Amino acid sequence: MFFFSPYTLGHADNYIEANPLVTPIHIVPEWYFLPLYAVLRSVPNKLFGVFLILMFIVCIVFLPFYNKGFIRSGLFRPIFSFFFWIFFFDCLLLGWVGGSPVMYPYYELGQIFTFLYFFLLIIVFPFLNFFERIIYLSYIDRNIKKKKN
């Protein structure tokens, strides 16, 4: 689809011919930059916004190194699956907020979704492996004790 019509997912305002006398009403980046744009708009300090964009990318790069458990598949880890789907929908909602105008509900939603994004990647996912390991080992201990009796 992208090979035959690459401009399908682009915003219609990006294809209006430029007029140097008029400032565009709504400047929107391409769809794949919308979550980053929402993070940038969710903080009033622009230098901190650029730092958060850098952290946005760094957290995604280190995401594969968080999982060092017994079970690596998310199929057999229901707690991880729950938080993964929260993370997935949080990224989708960040993209939606990034494409919305800077108005009352979208600005606050962008702050909430940005906080949730970093909370999941910095706090929840690294420590989730530790908690699942405790649950897994206690399950193994219970089954070993049952077999001995």
C-alpha atoms as a PDB file:
ATOM      1  CA  MET A   1       0.000   0.000   0.000  1.00  0.00           C
ATOM      2  CA  PHE A   2       2.756   2.438   0.905  1.00  0.00           C
ATOM      3  CA  PHE A   3       4.610   1.742  -2.319  1.00  0.00           C
ATOM      4  CA  PHE A   4       1.678   2.624  -4.563  1.00  0.00           C
ATOM      5  CA  SER A   5       0.259   5.570  -2.616  1.00  0.00           C
ATOM      6  CA  PRO A   6       2.876   6.903  -0.183  1.00  0.00           C
ATOM      7  CA  TYR A   7       0.922  10.067   0.682  1.00  0.00           C
ATOM      8  CA  THR A   8      -2.175   8.239   1.948  1.00  0.00           C
ATOM      9  CA  LEU A   9      -1.348   8.603   5.640  1.00  0.00           C
ATOM     10  CA  GLY A  10      -0.118  12.200   5.332  1.00  0.00           C
ATOM     11  CA  HIS A  11      -2.101  15.086   6.727  1.00  0.00           C
ATOM     12  CA  ALA A  12      -4.034  17.062   4.094  1.00  0.00           C
ATOM     13  CA  ASP A  13      -2.753  20.414   5.379  1.00  0.00           C
ATOM     14  CA  ASN A  14       0.815  19.419   4.554  1.00  0.00           C
ATOM     15  CA  TYR A  15       0.012  19.443   0.831  1.00  0.00           C
ATOM     16  CA  ILE A  16      -1.354  22.997   0.591  1.00  0.00           C
ATOM     17  CA  GLU A  17       0.893  25.231  -1.474  1.00  0.00           C
ATOM     18  CA  ALA A  18       3.030  27.481   0.729  1.00  0.00           C
ATOM     19  CA  ASN A  19       2.061  31.143   1.016  1.00  0.00           C
ATOM     20  CA  PRO A  20       4.725  33.319   2.652  1.00  0.00           C
ATOM     21  CA  LEU A  21       2.121  35.943   3.639  1.00  0.00           C
ATOM     22  CA  VAL A  22      -0.084  33.583   5.674  1.00  0.00           C
ATOM     23  CA  THR A  23       0.931  31.406   8.624  1.00  0.00           C
ATOM     24  CA  PRO A  24      -0.640  27.932   8.485  1.00  0.00           C
ATOM     25  CA  ILE A  25      -3.461  27.416  10.972  1.00  0.00           C
ATOM     26  CA  HIS A  26      -2.439  23.916  11.946  1.00  0.00           C
ATOM     27  CA  ILE A  27       1.067  22.565  11.416  1.00  0.00           C
ATOM     28  CA  VAL A  28       1.109  18.788  11.829  1.00  0.00           C
ATOM     29  CA  PRO A  29       4.086  16.437  11.461  1.00  0.00           C
ATOM     30  CA  GLU A  30       3.804  13.118   9.690  1.00  0.00           C
ATOM     31  CA  TRP A  31       1.883  10.351  11.467  1.00  0.00           C
ATOM     32  CA  TYR A  32       4.980   8.504  12.719  1.00  0.00           C
ATOM     33  CA  PHE A  33       6.222  11.631  14.562  1.00  0.00           C
ATOM     34  CA  LEU A  34       2.905  12.385  16.294  1.00  0.00           C
ATOM     35  CA  PRO A  35       3.750  10.620  19.622  1.00  0.00           C
ATOM     36  CA  LEU A  36       7.019  12.557  19.826  1.00  0.00           C
ATOM     37  CA  TYR A  37       5.159  15.761  18.998  1.00  0.00           C
ATOM     38  CA  ALA A  38       2.679  15.062  21.811  1.00  0.00           C
ATOM     39  CA  VAL A  39       5.551  14.582  24.275  1.00  0.00           C
ATOM     40  CA  LEU A  40       7.140  17.831  23.125  1.00  0.00           C
ATOM     41  CA  ARG A  41       3.885  19.748  23.510  1.00  0.00           C
ATOM     42  CA  SER A  42       3.076  18.287  26.927  1.00  0.00           C
ATOM     43  CA  VAL A  43       5.816  20.205  28.761  1.00  0.00           C
ATOM     44  CA  PRO A  44       6.037  24.015  28.940  1.00  0.00           C
ATOM     45  CA  ASN A  45       9.854  24.077  28.994  1.00  0.00           C
ATOM     46  CA  LYS A  46      11.081  23.301  25.472  1.00  0.00           C
ATOM     47  CA  LEU A  47      14.564  22.237  26.570  1.00  0.00           C
ATOM     48  CA  PHE A  48      12.991  19.678  28.896  1.00  0.00           C
ATOM     49  CA  GLY A  49      10.739  18.647  25.991  1.00  0.00           C
ATOM     50  CA  VAL A  50      13.783  17.951  23.815  1.00  0.00           C
ATOM     51  CA  PHE A  51      15.304  15.960  26.706  1.00  0.00           C
ATOM     52  CA  LEU A  52      12.077  13.928  26.966  1.00  0.00           C
ATOM     53  CA  ILE A  53      12.184  13.224  23.232  1.00  0.00           C
ATOM     54  CA  LEU A  54      15.731  11.931  23.634  1.00  0.00           C
ATOM     55  CA  MET A  55      14.603   9.790  26.594  1.00  0.00           C
ATOM     56  CA  PHE A  56      11.605   8.597  24.519  1.00  0.00           C
ATOM     57  CA  ILE A  57      14.004   7.089  21.996  1.00  0.00           C
ATOM     58  CA  VAL A  58      16.584   5.830  24.535  1.00  0.00           C
ATOM     59  CA  CYS A  59      13.904   3.978  26.519  1.00  0.00           C
ATOM     60  CA  ILE A  60      12.736   2.184  23.377  1.00  0.00           C
ATOM     61  CA  VAL A  61      16.333   1.221  22.528  1.00  0.00           C
ATOM     62  CA  PHE A  62      16.871  -0.335  25.980  1.00  0.00           C
ATOM     63  CA  LEU A  63      13.504  -2.109  26.035  1.00  0.00           C
ATOM     64  CA  PRO A  64      14.848  -5.488  24.754  1.00  0.00           C
ATOM     65  CA  PHE A  65      17.397  -5.610  27.592  1.00  0.00           C
ATOM     66  CA  TYR A  66      14.752  -5.413  30.347  1.00  0.00           C
ATOM     67  CA  ASN A  67      13.611  -9.007  29.966  1.00  0.00           C
ATOM     68  CA  LYS A  68      16.074 -11.499  31.448  1.00  0.00           C
ATOM     69  CA  GLY A  69      13.595 -13.924  32.986  1.00  0.00           C
ATOM     70  CA  PHE A  70      12.890 -17.627  32.774  1.00  0.00           C
ATOM     71  CA  ILE A  71      10.045 -17.166  30.344  1.00  0.00           C
ATOM     72  CA  ARG A  72      10.750 -14.676  27.576  1.00  0.00           C
ATOM     73  CA  SER A  73       7.524 -15.011  25.654  1.00  0.00           C
ATOM     74  CA  GLY A  74       4.755 -12.594  26.556  1.00  0.00           C
ATOM     75  CA  LEU A  75       2.215 -15.293  25.738  1.00  0.00           C
ATOM     76  CA  PHE A  76       2.855 -17.080  29.040  1.00  0.00           C
ATOM     77  CA  ARG A  77       3.233 -13.920  31.146  1.00  0.00           C
ATOM     78  CA  PRO A  78      -0.257 -12.500  31.788  1.00  0.00           C
ATOM     79  CA  ILE A  79       0.929  -9.569  33.941  1.00  0.00           C
ATOM     80  CA  PHE A  80       3.400  -8.516  31.253  1.00  0.00           C
ATOM     81  CA  SER A  81       0.722  -8.896  28.579  1.00  0.00           C
ATOM     82  CA  PHE A  82      -1.594  -6.586  30.513  1.00  0.00           C
ATOM     83  CA  PHE A  83       1.051  -3.867  30.813  1.00  0.00           C
ATOM     84  CA  PHE A  84       2.145  -4.377  27.201  1.00  0.00           C
ATOM     85  CA  TRP A  85      -1.376  -3.633  25.957  1.00  0.00           C
ATOM     86  CA  ILE A  86      -1.567  -0.581  28.210  1.00  0.00           C
ATOM     87  CA  PHE A  87       1.725   0.567  26.667  1.00  0.00           C
ATOM     88  CA  PHE A  88       0.449  -0.123  23.149  1.00  0.00           C
ATOM     89  CA  PHE A  89      -2.736   1.890  23.627  1.00  0.00           C
ATOM     90  CA  ASP A  90      -0.782   4.635  25.383  1.00  0.00           C
ATOM     91  CA  CYS A  91       1.405   5.007  22.270  1.00  0.00           C
ATOM     92  CA  LEU A  92      -1.698   5.128  20.061  1.00  0.00           C
ATOM     93  CA  LEU A  93      -3.284   7.767  22.292  1.00  0.00           C
ATOM     94  CA  LEU A  94      -0.063   9.802  22.265  1.00  0.00           C
ATOM     95  CA  GLY A  95      -0.282   9.776  18.471  1.00  0.00           C
ATOM     96  CA  TRP A  96      -3.906  10.924  18.622  1.00  0.00           C
ATOM     97  CA  VAL A  97      -3.060  13.738  21.041  1.00  0.00           C
ATOM     98  CA  GLY A  98      -0.105  14.771  18.862  1.00  0.00           C
ATOM     99  CA  GLY A  99      -2.430  15.268  15.905  1.00  0.00           C
ATOM    100  CA  SER A 100      -5.003  17.212  17.928  1.00  0.00           C
ATOM    101  CA  PRO A 101      -4.913  20.985  18.399  1.00  0.00           C
ATOM    102  CA  VAL A 102      -3.417  22.475  21.550  1.00  0.00           C
ATOM    103  CA  MET A 103      -6.634  22.975  23.496  1.00  0.00           C
ATOM    104  CA  TYR A 104      -8.007  22.185  26.954  1.00  0.00           C
ATOM    105  CA  PRO A 105      -8.530  18.435  27.031  1.00  0.00           C
ATOM    106  CA  TYR A 106      -5.700  17.476  24.660  1.00  0.00           C
ATOM    107  CA  TYR A 107      -2.945  19.298  26.525  1.00  0.00           C
ATOM    108  CA  GLU A 108      -3.804  17.609  29.838  1.00  0.00           C
ATOM    109  CA  LEU A 109      -4.292  14.236  28.159  1.00  0.00           C
ATOM    110  CA  GLY A 110      -0.863  14.624  26.560  1.00  0.00           C
ATOM    111  CA  GLN A 111       0.683  15.187  29.982  1.00  0.00           C
ATOM    112  CA  ILE A 112      -1.073  12.134  31.423  1.00  0.00           C
ATOM    113  CA  PHE A 113      -0.130   9.866  28.508  1.00  0.00           C
ATOM    114  CA  THR A 114       3.474  11.127  28.540  1.00  0.00           C
ATOM    115  CA  PHE A 115       3.749  10.366  32.252  1.00  0.00           C
ATOM    116  CA  LEU A 116       2.209   6.919  31.712  1.00  0.00           C
ATOM    117  CA  TYR A 117       4.631   6.201  28.852  1.00  0.00           C
ATOM    118  CA  PHE A 118       7.719   6.949  30.929  1.00  0.00           C
ATOM    119  CA  PHE A 119       6.254   5.307  34.043  1.00  0.00           C
ATOM    120  CA  LEU A 120       5.739   2.060  32.145  1.00  0.00           C
ATOM    121  CA  LEU A 121       9.159   2.059  30.487  1.00  0.00           C
ATOM    122  CA  ILE A 122      11.263   3.230  33.443  1.00  0.00           C
ATOM    123  CA  ILE A 123       9.428   1.810  36.462  1.00  0.00           C
ATOM    124  CA  VAL A 124       7.034  -0.996  35.504  1.00  0.00           C
ATOM    125  CA  PHE A 125       8.821  -3.022  32.812  1.00  0.00           C
ATOM    126  CA  PRO A 126      12.231  -3.309  34.565  1.00  0.00           C
ATOM    127  CA  PHE A 127      10.684  -4.348  37.888  1.00  0.00           C
ATOM    128  CA  LEU A 128       8.018  -6.549  36.335  1.00  0.00           C
ATOM    129  CA  ASN A 129      10.640  -9.189  35.601  1.00  0.00           C
ATOM    130  CA  PHE A 130      11.601  -9.227  39.299  1.00  0.00           C
ATOM    131  CA  PHE A 131       7.999  -9.637  40.454  1.00  0.00           C
ATOM    132  CA  GLU A 132       7.216 -12.319  37.895  1.00  0.00           C
ATOM    133  CA  ARG A 133      10.327 -14.223  38.930  1.00  0.00           C
ATOM    134  CA  ILE A 134       9.113 -14.247  42.549  1.00  0.00           C
ATOM    135  CA  ILE A 135       5.681 -15.487  41.446  1.00  0.00           C
ATOM    136  CA  TYR A 136       7.208 -18.117  39.161  1.00  0.00           C
ATOM    137  CA  LEU A 137       9.616 -19.428  41.815  1.00  0.00           C
ATOM    138  CA  SER A 138       6.888 -19.605  44.450  1.00  0.00           C
ATOM    139  CA  TYR A 139       4.743 -21.573  41.979  1.00  0.00           C
ATOM    140  CA  ILE A 140       7.610 -24.017  41.349  1.00  0.00           C
ATOM    141  CA  ASP A 141       8.231 -24.421  45.090  1.00  0.00           C
ATOM    142  CA  ARG A 142       4.560 -25.186  45.706  1.00  0.00           C
ATOM    143  CA  ASN A 143       4.509 -27.838  42.978  1.00  0.00           C
ATOM    144  CA  ILE A 144       7.705 -29.468  44.246  1.00  0.00           C
ATOM    145  CA  LYS A 145       6.288 -29.668  47.753  1.00  0.00           C
ATOM    146  CA  LYS A 146       3.059 -31.201  46.419  1.00  0.00           C
ATOM    147  CA  LYS A 147       4.986 -33.870  44.523  1.00  0.00           C
ATOM    148  CA  LYS A 148       7.030 -34.800  47.581  1.00  0.00           C
ATOM    149  CA  ASN A 149       3.895 -35.319  49.691  1.00  0.00           C
END
